[in-house]
Amino acid sequence: MKRARQTEKRTVRNRANASQLRTALRSMRESLEKGDKAAASQTYRQTVSALDKAIQKGVVHENTASRYKSRLSARLVALK
């Protein structure tokens, strides 16, 4: 009984954390598509922060987050 209650709480928390990360990544991709480099660089900083928090909370592995950061950074640099 107690285990089930704990699992429910953790599931809700984990879903919320994963959702925040997905939202941050989506907003970053959208800002890159718009082509505004200043706005994209601001969004990039927020996205990196969200990725770092996701690492701490165990939502994504450190290497996975590093890969995301690297690819987003490369797309930001390639932006004209």
PDB file of N, CA and C in Angstrom:
ATOM      1  N   MET A   1       0.812  -1.191   0.000  1.00  0.00           N
ATOM      2  CA  MET A   1       0.000   0.000   0.000  1.00  0.00           C
ATOM      3  C   MET A   1       0.863   1.267   0.000  1.00  0.00           C
ATOM      4  N   LYS A   2       1.781   1.340   0.946  1.00  0.00           N
ATOM      5  CA  LYS A   2       2.636   2.524   1.003  1.00  0.00           C
ATOM      6  C   LYS A   2       3.488   2.611  -0.267  1.00  0.00           C
ATOM      7  N   ARG A   3       3.991   1.474  -0.713  1.00  0.00           N
ATOM      8  CA  ARG A   3       4.823   1.444  -1.917  1.00  0.00           C
ATOM      9  C   ARG A   3       4.042   1.987  -3.121  1.00  0.00           C
ATOM     10  N   ALA A   4       2.777   1.638  -3.229  1.00  0.00           N
ATOM     11  CA  ALA A   4       1.946   2.114  -4.339  1.00  0.00           C
ATOM     12  C   ALA A   4       1.775   3.633  -4.279  1.00  0.00           C
ATOM     13  N   ARG A   5       1.586   4.164  -3.083  1.00  0.00           N
ATOM     14  CA  ARG A   5       1.442   5.617  -2.932  1.00  0.00           C
ATOM     15  C   ARG A   5       2.739   6.326  -3.321  1.00  0.00           C
ATOM     16  N   GLN A   6       3.852   5.759  -2.898  1.00  0.00           N
ATOM     17  CA  GLN A   6       5.146   6.362  -3.225  1.00  0.00           C
ATOM     18  C   GLN A   6       5.374   6.346  -4.739  1.00  0.00           C
ATOM     19  N   THR A   7       5.014   5.229  -5.358  1.00  0.00           N
ATOM     20  CA  THR A   7       5.196   5.105  -6.804  1.00  0.00           C
ATOM     21  C   THR A   7       4.353   6.128  -7.551  1.00  0.00           C
ATOM     22  N   GLU A   8       3.128   6.339  -7.103  1.00  0.00           N
ATOM     23  CA  GLU A   8       2.271   7.339  -7.740  1.00  0.00           C
ATOM     24  C   GLU A   8       2.888   8.723  -7.663  1.00  0.00           C
ATOM     25  N   LYS A   9       3.373   9.098  -6.473  1.00  0.00           N
ATOM     26  CA  LYS A   9       3.984  10.412  -6.297  1.00  0.00           C
ATOM     27  C   LYS A   9       5.208  10.567  -7.194  1.00  0.00           C
ATOM     28  N   ARG A  10       6.035   9.549  -7.232  1.00  0.00           N
ATOM     29  CA  ARG A  10       7.253   9.620  -8.034  1.00  0.00           C
ATOM     30  C   ARG A  10       6.932   9.669  -9.519  1.00  0.00           C
ATOM     31  N   THR A  11       5.915   8.916  -9.931  1.00  0.00           N
ATOM     32  CA  THR A  11       5.519   8.911 -11.335  1.00  0.00           C
ATOM     33  C   THR A  11       5.069  10.294 -11.769  1.00  0.00           C
ATOM     34  N   VAL A  12       4.263  10.931 -10.950  1.00  0.00           N
ATOM     35  CA  VAL A  12       3.789  12.289 -11.266  1.00  0.00           C
ATOM     36  C   VAL A  12       4.973  13.247 -11.359  1.00  0.00           C
ATOM     37  N   ARG A  13       5.887  13.149 -10.392  1.00  0.00           N
ATOM     38  CA  ARG A  13       7.050  14.033 -10.389  1.00  0.00           C
ATOM     39  C   ARG A  13       7.929  13.794 -11.611  1.00  0.00           C
ATOM     40  N   ASN A  14       8.176  12.530 -11.937  1.00  0.00           N
ATOM     41  CA  ASN A  14       9.029  12.211 -13.084  1.00  0.00           C
ATOM     42  C   ASN A  14       8.399  12.664 -14.394  1.00  0.00           C
ATOM     43  N   ARG A  15       7.079  12.488 -14.520  1.00  0.00           N
ATOM     44  CA  ARG A  15       6.396  12.942 -15.729  1.00  0.00           C
ATOM     45  C   ARG A  15       6.520  14.448 -15.891  1.00  0.00           C
ATOM     46  N   ALA A  16       6.362  15.175 -14.793  1.00  0.00           N
ATOM     47  CA  ALA A  16       6.464  16.639 -14.840  1.00  0.00           C
ATOM     48  C   ALA A  16       7.876  17.066 -15.254  1.00  0.00           C
ATOM     49  N   ASN A  17       8.886  16.423 -14.685  1.00  0.00           N
ATOM     50  CA  ASN A  17      10.269  16.765 -15.033  1.00  0.00           C
ATOM     51  C   ASN A  17      10.565  16.468 -16.495  1.00  0.00           C
ATOM     52  N   ALA A  18      10.117  15.326 -16.980  1.00  0.00           N
ATOM     53  CA  ALA A  18      10.346  14.967 -18.379  1.00  0.00           C
ATOM     54  C   ALA A  18       9.599  15.916 -19.300  1.00  0.00           C
ATOM     55  N   SER A  19       8.408  16.325 -18.901  1.00  0.00           N
ATOM     56  CA  SER A  19       7.614  17.239 -19.714  1.00  0.00           C
ATOM     57  C   SER A  19       8.293  18.601 -19.815  1.00  0.00           C
ATOM     58  N   GLN A  20       8.840  19.091 -18.710  1.00  0.00           N
ATOM     59  CA  GLN A  20       9.551  20.370 -18.731  1.00  0.00           C
ATOM     60  C   GLN A  20      10.753  20.307 -19.666  1.00  0.00           C
ATOM     61  N   LEU A  21      11.443  19.179 -19.655  1.00  0.00           N
ATOM     62  CA  LEU A  21      12.600  19.026 -20.536  1.00  0.00           C
ATOM     63  C   LEU A  21      12.166  19.019 -21.995  1.00  0.00           C
ATOM     64  N   ARG A  22      11.136  18.257 -22.307  1.00  0.00           N
ATOM     65  CA  ARG A  22      10.642  18.209 -23.690  1.00  0.00           C
ATOM     66  C   ARG A  22      10.190  19.587 -24.168  1.00  0.00           C
ATOM     67  N   THR A  23       9.545  20.335 -23.290  1.00  0.00           N
ATOM     68  CA  THR A  23       9.093  21.683 -23.643  1.00  0.00           C
ATOM     69  C   THR A  23      10.285  22.590 -23.940  1.00  0.00           C
ATOM     70  N   ALA A  24      11.323  22.507 -23.126  1.00  0.00           N
ATOM     71  CA  ALA A  24      12.515  23.323 -23.346  1.00  0.00           C
ATOM     72  C   ALA A  24      13.177  22.972 -24.671  1.00  0.00           C
ATOM     73  N   LEU A  25      13.280  21.681 -24.958  1.00  0.00           N
ATOM     74  CA  LEU A  25      13.893  21.255 -26.221  1.00  0.00           C
ATOM     75  C   LEU A  25      13.053  21.699 -27.412  1.00  0.00           C
ATOM     76  N   ARG A  26      11.732  21.613 -27.278  1.00  0.00           N
ATOM     77  CA  ARG A  26      10.842  22.038 -28.362  1.00  0.00           C
ATOM     78  C   ARG A  26      10.975  23.534 -28.624  1.00  0.00           C
ATOM     79  N   SER A  27      11.012  24.332 -27.562  1.00  0.00           N
ATOM     80  CA  SER A  27      11.143  25.778 -27.734  1.00  0.00           C
ATOM     81  C   SER A  27      12.483  26.130 -28.373  1.00  0.00           C
ATOM     82  N   MET A  28      13.520  25.381 -28.054  1.00  0.00           N
ATOM     83  CA  MET A  28      14.828  25.615 -28.666  1.00  0.00           C
ATOM     84  C   MET A  28      14.779  25.316 -30.158  1.00  0.00           C
ATOM     85  N   ARG A  29      14.185  24.185 -30.519  1.00  0.00           N
ATOM     86  CA  ARG A  29      14.079  23.845 -31.938  1.00  0.00           C
ATOM     87  C   ARG A  29      13.266  24.887 -32.699  1.00  0.00           C
ATOM     88  N   GLU A  30      12.196  25.373 -32.085  1.00  0.00           N
ATOM     89  CA  GLU A  30      11.355  26.377 -32.738  1.00  0.00           C
ATOM     90  C   GLU A  30      12.110  27.689 -32.928  1.00  0.00           C
ATOM     91  N   SER A  31      12.889  28.090 -31.930  1.00  0.00           N
ATOM     92  CA  SER A  31      13.642  29.339 -32.067  1.00  0.00           C
ATOM     93  C   SER A  31      14.736  29.204 -33.125  1.00  0.00           C
ATOM     94  N   LEU A  32      15.294  28.004 -33.267  1.00  0.00           N
ATOM     95  CA  LEU A  32      16.281  27.785 -34.321  1.00  0.00           C
ATOM     96  C   LEU A  32      15.630  27.868 -35.699  1.00  0.00           C
ATOM     97  N   GLU A  33      14.420  27.349 -35.823  1.00  0.00           N
ATOM     98  CA  GLU A  33      13.722  27.390 -37.107  1.00  0.00           C
ATOM     99  C   GLU A  33      13.365  28.813 -37.519  1.00  0.00           C
ATOM    100  N   LYS A  34      13.085  29.672 -36.523  1.00  0.00           N
ATOM    101  CA  LYS A  34      12.743  31.068 -36.832  1.00  0.00           C
ATOM    102  C   LYS A  34      13.942  31.818 -37.394  1.00  0.00           C
ATOM    103  N   GLY A  35      15.132  31.444 -36.970  1.00  0.00           N
ATOM    104  CA  GLY A  35      16.339  32.032 -37.530  1.00  0.00           C
ATOM    105  C   GLY A  35      16.849  33.260 -36.790  1.00  0.00           C
ATOM    106  N   ASP A  36      16.238  33.649 -35.686  1.00  0.00           N
ATOM    107  CA  ASP A  36      16.707  34.790 -34.909  1.00  0.00           C
ATOM    108  C   ASP A  36      17.809  34.325 -33.965  1.00  0.00           C
ATOM    109  N   LYS A  37      19.049  34.705 -34.285  1.00  0.00           N
ATOM    110  CA  LYS A  37      20.179  34.174 -33.528  1.00  0.00           C
ATOM    111  C   LYS A  37      20.201  34.666 -32.084  1.00  0.00           C
ATOM    112  N   ALA A  38      19.814  35.930 -31.857  1.00  0.00           N
ATOM    113  CA  ALA A  38      19.830  36.472 -30.492  1.00  0.00           C
ATOM    114  C   ALA A  38      18.830  35.734 -29.606  1.00  0.00           C
ATOM    115  N   ALA A  39      17.625  35.537 -30.117  1.00  0.00           N
ATOM    116  CA  ALA A  39      16.601  34.826 -29.346  1.00  0.00           C
ATOM    117  C   ALA A  39      16.996  33.364 -29.159  1.00  0.00           C
ATOM    118  N   ALA A  40      17.590  32.788 -30.190  1.00  0.00           N
ATOM    119  CA  ALA A  40      17.994  31.383 -30.113  1.00  0.00           C
ATOM    120  C   ALA A  40      19.097  31.185 -29.075  1.00  0.00           C
ATOM    121  N   SER A  41      20.015  32.128 -28.977  1.00  0.00           N
ATOM    122  CA  SER A  41      21.098  31.984 -27.999  1.00  0.00           C
ATOM    123  C   SER A  41      20.555  32.126 -26.572  1.00  0.00           C
ATOM    124  N   GLN A  42      19.564  32.990 -26.399  1.00  0.00           N
ATOM    125  CA  GLN A  42      18.917  33.124 -25.085  1.00  0.00           C
ATOM    126  C   GLN A  42      18.194  31.823 -24.727  1.00  0.00           C
ATOM    127  N   THR A  43      17.468  31.274 -25.681  1.00  0.00           N
ATOM    128  CA  THR A  43      16.740  30.026 -25.465  1.00  0.00           C
ATOM    129  C   THR A  43      17.711  28.876 -25.224  1.00  0.00           C
ATOM    130  N   TYR A  44      18.874  28.921 -25.886  1.00  0.00           N
ATOM    131  CA  TYR A  44      19.881  27.873 -25.709  1.00  0.00           C
ATOM    132  C   TYR A  44      20.338  27.816 -24.257  1.00  0.00           C
ATOM    133  N   ARG A  45      20.579  28.982 -23.649  1.00  0.00           N
ATOM    134  CA  ARG A  45      21.016  29.006 -22.255  1.00  0.00           C
ATOM    135  C   ARG A  45      19.951  28.394 -21.337  1.00  0.00           C
ATOM    136  N   GLN A  46      18.693  28.714 -21.612  1.00  0.00           N
ATOM    137  CA  GLN A  46      17.608  28.153 -20.801  1.00  0.00           C
ATOM    138  C   GLN A  46      17.499  26.641 -20.996  1.00  0.00           C
ATOM    139  N   THR A  47      17.701  26.200 -22.232  1.00  0.00           N
ATOM    140  CA  THR A  47      17.612  24.772 -22.529  1.00  0.00           C
ATOM    141  C   THR A  47      18.744  23.997 -21.862  1.00  0.00           C
ATOM    142  N   VAL A  48      19.942  24.554 -21.884  1.00  0.00           N
ATOM    143  CA  VAL A  48      21.080  23.902 -21.227  1.00  0.00           C
ATOM    144  C   VAL A  48      20.816  23.794 -19.726  1.00  0.00           C
ATOM    145  N   SER A  49      20.237  24.836 -19.157  1.00  0.00           N
ATOM    146  CA  SER A  49      19.891  24.800 -17.744  1.00  0.00           C
ATOM    147  C   SER A  49      18.873  23.698 -17.459  1.00  0.00           C
ATOM    148  N   ALA A  50      17.870  23.589 -18.333  1.00  0.00           N
ATOM    149  CA  ALA A  50      16.853  22.543 -18.166  1.00  0.00           C
ATOM    150  C   ALA A  50      17.479  21.153 -18.291  1.00  0.00           C
ATOM    151  N   LEU A  51      18.430  20.994 -19.210  1.00  0.00           N
ATOM    152  CA  LEU A  51      19.109  19.708 -19.370  1.00  0.00           C
ATOM    153  C   LEU A  51      19.930  19.367 -18.123  1.00  0.00           C
ATOM    154  N   ASP A  52      20.612  20.368 -17.569  1.00  0.00           N
ATOM    155  CA  ASP A  52      21.408  20.123 -16.366  1.00  0.00           C
ATOM    156  C   ASP A  52      20.516  19.720 -15.194  1.00  0.00           C
ATOM    157  N   LYS A  53      19.361  20.354 -15.081  1.00  0.00           N
ATOM    158  CA  LYS A  53      18.426  19.980 -14.016  1.00  0.00           C
ATOM    159  C   LYS A  53      17.900  18.568 -14.243  1.00  0.00           C
ATOM    160  N   ALA A  54      17.668  18.211 -15.507  1.00  0.00           N
ATOM    161  CA  ALA A  54      17.171  16.874 -15.824  1.00  0.00           C
ATOM    162  C   ALA A  54      18.209  15.811 -15.459  1.00  0.00           C
ATOM    163  N   ILE A  55      19.488  16.143 -15.613  1.00  0.00           N
ATOM    164  CA  ILE A  55      20.549  15.214 -15.211  1.00  0.00           C
ATOM    165  C   ILE A  55      20.474  14.988 -13.705  1.00  0.00           C
ATOM    166  N   GLN A  56      20.364  16.080 -12.948  1.00  0.00           N
ATOM    167  CA  GLN A  56      20.320  15.983 -11.495  1.00  0.00           C
ATOM    168  C   GLN A  56      19.130  15.168 -11.016  1.00  0.00           C
ATOM    169  N   LYS A  57      18.014  15.294 -11.715  1.00  0.00           N
ATOM    170  CA  LYS A  57      16.796  14.610 -11.292  1.00  0.00           C
ATOM    171  C   LYS A  57      16.697  13.191 -11.852  1.00  0.00           C
ATOM    172  N   GLY A  58      17.664  12.798 -12.679  1.00  0.00           N
ATOM    173  CA  GLY A  58      17.684  11.445 -13.204  1.00  0.00           C
ATOM    174  C   GLY A  58      16.760  11.222 -14.380  1.00  0.00           C
ATOM    175  N   VAL A  59      16.339  12.300 -15.039  1.00  0.00           N
ATOM    176  CA  VAL A  59      15.436  12.161 -16.185  1.00  0.00           C
ATOM    177  C   VAL A  59      16.210  11.668 -17.402  1.00  0.00           C
ATOM    178  N   VAL A  60      17.399  12.226 -17.614  1.00  0.00           N
ATOM    179  CA  VAL A  60      18.254  11.796 -18.719  1.00  0.00           C
ATOM    180  C   VAL A  60      19.652  11.506 -18.183  1.00  0.00           C
ATOM    181  N   HIS A  61      20.367  10.673 -18.911  1.00  0.00           N
ATOM    182  CA  HIS A  61      21.745  10.349 -18.558  1.00  0.00           C
ATOM    183  C   HIS A  61      22.640  11.525 -18.923  1.00  0.00           C
ATOM    184  N   GLU A  62      23.740  11.649 -18.239  1.00  0.00           N
ATOM    185  CA  GLU A  62      24.652  12.773 -18.457  1.00  0.00           C
ATOM    186  C   GLU A  62      25.169  12.810 -19.893  1.00  0.00           C
ATOM    187  N   ASN A  63      25.495  11.655 -20.439  1.00  0.00           N
ATOM    188  CA  ASN A  63      26.009  11.609 -21.809  1.00  0.00           C
ATOM    189  C   ASN A  63      24.932  11.996 -22.817  1.00  0.00           C
ATOM    190  N   THR A  64      23.697  11.607 -22.562  1.00  0.00           N
ATOM    191  CA  THR A  64      22.593  11.959 -23.447  1.00  0.00           C
ATOM    192  C   THR A  64      22.390  13.467 -23.460  1.00  0.00           C
ATOM    193  N   ALA A  65      22.424  14.079 -22.288  1.00  0.00           N
ATOM    194  CA  ALA A  65      22.271  15.527 -22.189  1.00  0.00           C
ATOM    195  C   ALA A  65      23.430  16.229 -22.885  1.00  0.00           C
ATOM    196  N   SER A  66      24.612  15.703 -22.736  1.00  0.00           N
ATOM    197  CA  SER A  66      25.784  16.274 -23.393  1.00  0.00           C
ATOM    198  C   SER A  66      25.629  16.226 -24.908  1.00  0.00           C
ATOM    199  N   ARG A  67      25.096  15.125 -25.398  1.00  0.00           N
ATOM    200  CA  ARG A  67      24.865  14.990 -26.837  1.00  0.00           C
ATOM    201  C   ARG A  67      23.843  16.023 -27.326  1.00  0.00           C
ATOM    202  N   TYR A  68      22.752  16.189 -26.567  1.00  0.00           N
ATOM    203  CA  TYR A  68      21.752  17.203 -26.911  1.00  0.00           C
ATOM    204  C   TYR A  68      22.385  18.589 -26.968  1.00  0.00           C
ATOM    205  N   LYS A  69      23.168  18.923 -25.939  1.00  0.00           N
ATOM    206  CA  LYS A  69      23.799  20.236 -25.873  1.00  0.00           C
ATOM    207  C   LYS A  69      24.711  20.461 -27.075  1.00  0.00           C
ATOM    208  N   SER A  70      25.491  19.450 -27.397  1.00  0.00           N
ATOM    209  CA  SER A  70      26.433  19.568 -28.503  1.00  0.00           C
ATOM    210  C   SER A  70      25.712  19.795 -29.820  1.00  0.00           C
ATOM    211  N   ARG A  71      24.674  19.041 -30.070  1.00  0.00           N
ATOM    212  CA  ARG A  71      23.947  19.164 -31.333  1.00  0.00           C
ATOM    213  C   ARG A  71      23.206  20.495 -31.427  1.00  0.00           C
ATOM    214  N   LEU A  72      22.611  20.923 -30.323  1.00  0.00           N
ATOM    215  CA  LEU A  72      21.920  22.212 -30.330  1.00  0.00           C
ATOM    216  C   LEU A  72      22.914  23.354 -30.500  1.00  0.00           C
ATOM    217  N   SER A  73      24.068  23.245 -29.853  1.00  0.00           N
ATOM    218  CA  SER A  73      25.099  24.271 -29.991  1.00  0.00           C
ATOM    219  C   SER A  73      25.586  24.358 -31.437  1.00  0.00           C
ATOM    220  N   ALA A  74      25.772  23.220 -32.072  1.00  0.00           N
ATOM    221  CA  ALA A  74      26.224  23.221 -33.469  1.00  0.00           C
ATOM    222  C   ALA A  74      25.179  23.874 -34.365  1.00  0.00           C
ATOM    223  N   ARG A  75      23.903  23.612 -34.101  1.00  0.00           N
ATOM    224  CA  ARG A  75      22.852  24.230 -34.903  1.00  0.00           C
ATOM    225  C   ARG A  75      22.780  25.729 -34.650  1.00  0.00           C
ATOM    226  N   LEU A  76      23.070  26.145 -33.424  1.00  0.00           N
ATOM    227  CA  LEU A  76      23.070  27.573 -33.091  1.00  0.00           C
ATOM    228  C   LEU A  76      24.217  28.287 -33.800  1.00  0.00           C
ATOM    229  N   VAL A  77      25.391  27.681 -33.807  1.00  0.00           N
ATOM    230  CA  VAL A  77      26.548  28.269 -34.467  1.00  0.00           C
ATOM    231  C   VAL A  77      26.323  28.337 -35.974  1.00  0.00           C
ATOM    232  N   ALA A  78      25.652  27.341 -36.536  1.00  0.00           N
ATOM    233  CA  ALA A  78      25.414  27.311 -37.976  1.00  0.00           C
ATOM    234  C   ALA A  78      24.374  28.337 -38.416  1.00  0.00           C
ATOM    235  N   LEU A  79      23.620  28.867 -37.458  1.00  0.00           N
ATOM    236  CA  LEU A  79      22.602  29.859 -37.760  1.00  0.00           C
ATOM    237  C   LEU A  79      23.272  31.146 -38.252  1.00  0.00           C
ATOM    238  N   LYS A  80      22.720  31.733 -39.287  1.00  0.00           N
ATOM    239  CA  LYS A  80      23.338  32.944 -39.858  1.00  0.00           C
ATOM    240  C   LYS A  80      22.895  34.190 -39.149  1.00  0.00           C
TER     241      LYS A  80
END
